[in-house]
Each structure stands twice: as C-alpha cells, then as structure tokens.
Amino acid sequence: MANWWIFDRGDILCLMANDSTIAVFQCRKDAELFSEQFDIKIEKV
C-alpha cells in the first residue's frame, strides 16, 4: 500500500504518494473532504 498524505503549503495542497505528487488541490475544502473520505492526514509544510 502506498504511503499517502496531503502537504498543506498554505496556497495549495498536494496529494503525495511515496514522495511523488499525485494531485494538487486548489481548494482547501476539496482537500479536507478527500482527507476525511480516505482517512489521509494533512501535514503543514
């Protein structure tokens, strides 16, 4: 299983998997919903 997390850079949030960027969220609400739905933690950078 991939190690997934979301980097919160303030202006954008990036979905990461095994040190690779998978997706970029331009809306914080989308990232938060995704995080809750898939139980992925959000980390401030």
PDB file of N, CA and C in Angstrom:
ATOM      1  N   MET A   1       0.845  -1.197   0.000  1.00  0.00           N
ATOM      2  CA  MET A   1       0.000   0.000   0.000  1.00  0.00           C
ATOM      3  C   MET A   1       0.881   1.247   0.000  1.00  0.00           C
ATOM      4  N   ALA A   2       0.539   2.182  -0.810  1.00  0.00           N
ATOM      5  CA  ALA A   2       1.299   3.425  -0.894  1.00  0.00           C
ATOM      6  C   ALA A   2       1.146   4.229   0.397  1.00  0.00           C
ATOM      7  N   ASN A   3       2.168   4.993   0.709  1.00  0.00           N
ATOM      8  CA  ASN A   3       2.131   5.894   1.850  1.00  0.00           C
ATOM      9  C   ASN A   3       1.577   7.229   1.357  1.00  0.00           C
ATOM     10  N   TRP A   4       0.322   7.519   1.667  1.00  0.00           N
ATOM     11  CA  TRP A   4      -0.371   8.704   1.157  1.00  0.00           C
ATOM     12  C   TRP A   4      -0.474   9.769   2.232  1.00  0.00           C
ATOM     13  N   TRP A   5      -0.322  11.026   1.840  1.00  0.00           N
ATOM     14  CA  TRP A   5      -0.578  12.153   2.725  1.00  0.00           C
ATOM     15  C   TRP A   5      -0.806  13.391   1.881  1.00  0.00           C
ATOM     16  N   ILE A   6      -1.279  14.445   2.516  1.00  0.00           N
ATOM     17  CA  ILE A   6      -1.517  15.708   1.832  1.00  0.00           C
ATOM     18  C   ILE A   6      -0.619  16.763   2.465  1.00  0.00           C
ATOM     19  N   PHE A   7       0.200  17.411   1.633  1.00  0.00           N
ATOM     20  CA  PHE A   7       1.047  18.518   2.089  1.00  0.00           C
ATOM     21  C   PHE A   7       0.258  19.806   1.999  1.00  0.00           C
ATOM     22  N   ASP A   8       0.164  20.522   3.092  1.00  0.00           N
ATOM     23  CA  ASP A   8      -0.507  21.826   3.129  1.00  0.00           C
ATOM     24  C   ASP A   8       0.575  22.895   3.036  1.00  0.00           C
ATOM     25  N   ARG A   9       0.707  23.499   1.863  1.00  0.00           N
ATOM     26  CA  ARG A   9       1.715  24.538   1.652  1.00  0.00           C
ATOM     27  C   ARG A   9       1.141  25.932   1.856  1.00  0.00           C
ATOM     28  N   GLY A  10      -0.084  25.999   2.314  1.00  0.00           N
ATOM     29  CA  GLY A  10      -0.717  27.292   2.559  1.00  0.00           C
ATOM     30  C   GLY A  10      -1.522  27.748   1.350  1.00  0.00           C
ATOM     31  N   ASP A  11      -0.844  27.913   0.201  1.00  0.00           N
ATOM     32  CA  ASP A  11      -1.544  28.368  -1.001  1.00  0.00           C
ATOM     33  C   ASP A  11      -2.170  27.204  -1.761  1.00  0.00           C
ATOM     34  N   ILE A  12      -1.498  26.070  -1.755  1.00  0.00           N
ATOM     35  CA  ILE A  12      -2.031  24.870  -2.406  1.00  0.00           C
ATOM     36  C   ILE A  12      -1.827  23.669  -1.500  1.00  0.00           C
ATOM     37  N   LEU A  13      -2.587  22.617  -1.756  1.00  0.00           N
ATOM     38  CA  LEU A  13      -2.420  21.364  -1.035  1.00  0.00           C
ATOM     39  C   LEU A  13      -2.127  20.283  -2.062  1.00  0.00           C
ATOM     40  N   CYS A  14      -1.085  19.475  -1.799  1.00  0.00           N
ATOM     41  CA  CYS A  14      -0.648  18.458  -2.749  1.00  0.00           C
ATOM     42  C   CYS A  14      -0.874  17.065  -2.169  1.00  0.00           C
ATOM     43  N   LEU A  15      -1.538  16.214  -2.934  1.00  0.00           N
ATOM     44  CA  LEU A  15      -1.691  14.816  -2.548  1.00  0.00           C
ATOM     45  C   LEU A  15      -0.416  14.093  -2.939  1.00  0.00           C
ATOM     46  N   MET A  16       0.226  13.461  -1.952  1.00  0.00           N
ATOM     47  CA  MET A  16       1.503  12.789  -2.177  1.00  0.00           C
ATOM     48  C   MET A  16       1.345  11.282  -1.950  1.00  0.00           C
ATOM     49  N   ALA A  17       2.108  10.504  -2.707  1.00  0.00           N
ATOM     50  CA  ALA A  17       2.174   9.058  -2.500  1.00  0.00           C
ATOM     51  C   ALA A  17       3.616   8.627  -2.732  1.00  0.00           C
ATOM     52  N   ASN A  18       4.219   8.063  -1.704  1.00  0.00           N
ATOM     53  CA  ASN A  18       5.613   7.613  -1.793  1.00  0.00           C
ATOM     54  C   ASN A  18       6.524   8.691  -2.374  1.00  0.00           C
ATOM     55  N   ASP A  19       6.429   9.914  -1.845  1.00  0.00           N
ATOM     56  CA  ASP A  19       7.274  11.052  -2.232  1.00  0.00           C
ATOM     57  C   ASP A  19       7.030  11.575  -3.643  1.00  0.00           C
ATOM     58  N   SER A  20       5.945  11.185  -4.283  1.00  0.00           N
ATOM     59  CA  SER A  20       5.590  11.715  -5.603  1.00  0.00           C
ATOM     60  C   SER A  20       4.271  12.467  -5.495  1.00  0.00           C
ATOM     61  N   THR A  21       4.173  13.586  -6.201  1.00  0.00           N
ATOM     62  CA  THR A  21       2.917  14.346  -6.206  1.00  0.00           C
ATOM     63  C   THR A  21       1.931  13.658  -7.146  1.00  0.00           C
ATOM     64  N   ILE A  22       0.769  13.320  -6.626  1.00  0.00           N
ATOM     65  CA  ILE A  22      -0.267  12.642  -7.395  1.00  0.00           C
ATOM     66  C   ILE A  22      -1.296  13.650  -7.903  1.00  0.00           C
ATOM     67  N   ALA A  23      -1.626  14.614  -7.058  1.00  0.00           N
ATOM     68  CA  ALA A  23      -2.646  15.603  -7.425  1.00  0.00           C
ATOM     69  C   ALA A  23      -2.407  16.884  -6.642  1.00  0.00           C
ATOM     70  N   VAL A  24      -2.931  17.975  -7.168  1.00  0.00           N
ATOM     71  CA  VAL A  24      -2.863  19.271  -6.492  1.00  0.00           C
ATOM     72  C   VAL A  24      -4.290  19.776  -6.298  1.00  0.00           C
ATOM     73  N   PHE A  25      -4.607  20.128  -5.052  1.00  0.00           N
ATOM     74  CA  PHE A  25      -5.922  20.694  -4.747  1.00  0.00           C
ATOM     75  C   PHE A  25      -5.792  22.204  -4.736  1.00  0.00           C
ATOM     76  N   GLN A  26      -6.631  22.897  -5.494  1.00  0.00           N
ATOM     77  CA  GLN A  26      -6.619  24.351  -5.480  1.00  0.00           C
ATOM     78  C   GLN A  26      -7.621  24.896  -4.469  1.00  0.00           C
ATOM     79  N   CYS A  27      -8.465  24.013  -3.955  1.00  0.00           N
ATOM     80  CA  CYS A  27      -9.476  24.410  -2.976  1.00  0.00           C
ATOM     81  C   CYS A  27      -9.247  23.613  -1.689  1.00  0.00           C
ATOM     82  N   ARG A  28      -9.045  24.324  -0.586  1.00  0.00           N
ATOM     83  CA  ARG A  28      -8.787  23.669   0.701  1.00  0.00           C
ATOM     84  C   ARG A  28      -9.931  22.727   1.092  1.00  0.00           C
ATOM     85  N   LYS A  29     -11.171  23.131   0.789  1.00  0.00           N
ATOM     86  CA  LYS A  29     -12.329  22.310   1.152  1.00  0.00           C
ATOM     87  C   LYS A  29     -12.274  20.947   0.456  1.00  0.00           C
ATOM     88  N   ASP A  30     -11.864  20.941  -0.827  1.00  0.00           N
ATOM     89  CA  ASP A  30     -11.732  19.674  -1.556  1.00  0.00           C
ATOM     90  C   ASP A  30     -10.711  18.768  -0.888  1.00  0.00           C
ATOM     91  N   ALA A  31      -9.585  19.337  -0.492  1.00  0.00           N
ATOM     92  CA  ALA A  31      -8.534  18.552   0.162  1.00  0.00           C
ATOM     93  C   ALA A  31      -9.025  17.992   1.497  1.00  0.00           C
ATOM     94  N   GLU A  32      -9.752  18.805   2.252  1.00  0.00           N
ATOM     95  CA  GLU A  32     -10.267  18.353   3.551  1.00  0.00           C
ATOM     96  C   GLU A  32     -11.279  17.231   3.378  1.00  0.00           C
ATOM     97  N   LEU A  33     -12.166  17.356   2.393  1.00  0.00           N
ATOM     98  CA  LEU A  33     -13.145  16.297   2.135  1.00  0.00           C
ATOM     99  C   LEU A  33     -12.456  15.007   1.695  1.00  0.00           C
ATOM    100  N   PHE A  34     -11.474  15.131   0.826  1.00  0.00           N
ATOM    101  CA  PHE A  34     -10.712  13.971   0.352  1.00  0.00           C
ATOM    102  C   PHE A  34     -10.005  13.300   1.536  1.00  0.00           C
ATOM    103  N   SER A  35      -9.409  14.116   2.393  1.00  0.00           N
ATOM    104  CA  SER A  35      -8.705  13.619   3.573  1.00  0.00           C
ATOM    105  C   SER A  35      -9.639  12.817   4.483  1.00  0.00           C
ATOM    106  N   GLU A  36     -10.835  13.361   4.724  1.00  0.00           N
ATOM    107  CA  GLU A  36     -11.805  12.679   5.585  1.00  0.00           C
ATOM    108  C   GLU A  36     -12.306  11.389   4.951  1.00  0.00           C
ATOM    109  N   GLN A  37     -12.600  11.438   3.667  1.00  0.00           N
ATOM    110  CA  GLN A  37     -13.181  10.284   2.991  1.00  0.00           C
ATOM    111  C   GLN A  37     -12.213   9.100   2.941  1.00  0.00           C
ATOM    112  N   PHE A  38     -10.934   9.391   2.716  1.00  0.00           N
ATOM    113  CA  PHE A  38      -9.955   8.313   2.545  1.00  0.00           C
ATOM    114  C   PHE A  38      -9.006   8.164   3.732  1.00  0.00           C
ATOM    115  N   ASP A  39      -9.305   8.883   4.836  1.00  0.00           N
ATOM    116  CA  ASP A  39      -8.504   8.828   6.057  1.00  0.00           C
ATOM    117  C   ASP A  39      -7.026   9.096   5.763  1.00  0.00           C
ATOM    118  N   ILE A  40      -6.770  10.209   5.082  1.00  0.00           N
ATOM    119  CA  ILE A  40      -5.411  10.621   4.744  1.00  0.00           C
ATOM    120  C   ILE A  40      -5.089  11.867   5.557  1.00  0.00           C
ATOM    121  N   LYS A  41      -3.941  11.864   6.220  1.00  0.00           N
ATOM    122  CA  LYS A  41      -3.606  13.007   7.072  1.00  0.00           C
ATOM    123  C   LYS A  41      -3.089  14.183   6.251  1.00  0.00           C
ATOM    124  N   ILE A  42      -3.374  15.387   6.770  1.00  0.00           N
ATOM    125  CA  ILE A  42      -2.888  16.625   6.163  1.00  0.00           C
ATOM    126  C   ILE A  42      -1.757  17.147   7.037  1.00  0.00           C
ATOM    127  N   GLU A  43      -0.596  17.398   6.415  1.00  0.00           N
ATOM    128  CA  GLU A  43       0.568  17.893   7.146  1.00  0.00           C
ATOM    129  C   GLU A  43       0.951  19.272   6.635  1.00  0.00           C
ATOM    130  N   LYS A  44       1.150  20.210   7.561  1.00  0.00           N
ATOM    131  CA  LYS A  44       1.622  21.552   7.186  1.00  0.00           C
ATOM    132  C   LYS A  44       3.103  21.471   6.841  1.00  0.00           C
ATOM    133  N   VAL A  45       3.481  22.205   5.798  1.00  0.00           N
ATOM    134  CA  VAL A  45       4.883  22.210   5.367  1.00  0.00           C
ATOM    135  C   VAL A  45       5.531  23.501   5.802  1.00  0.00           C
TER     136      VAL A  45
END
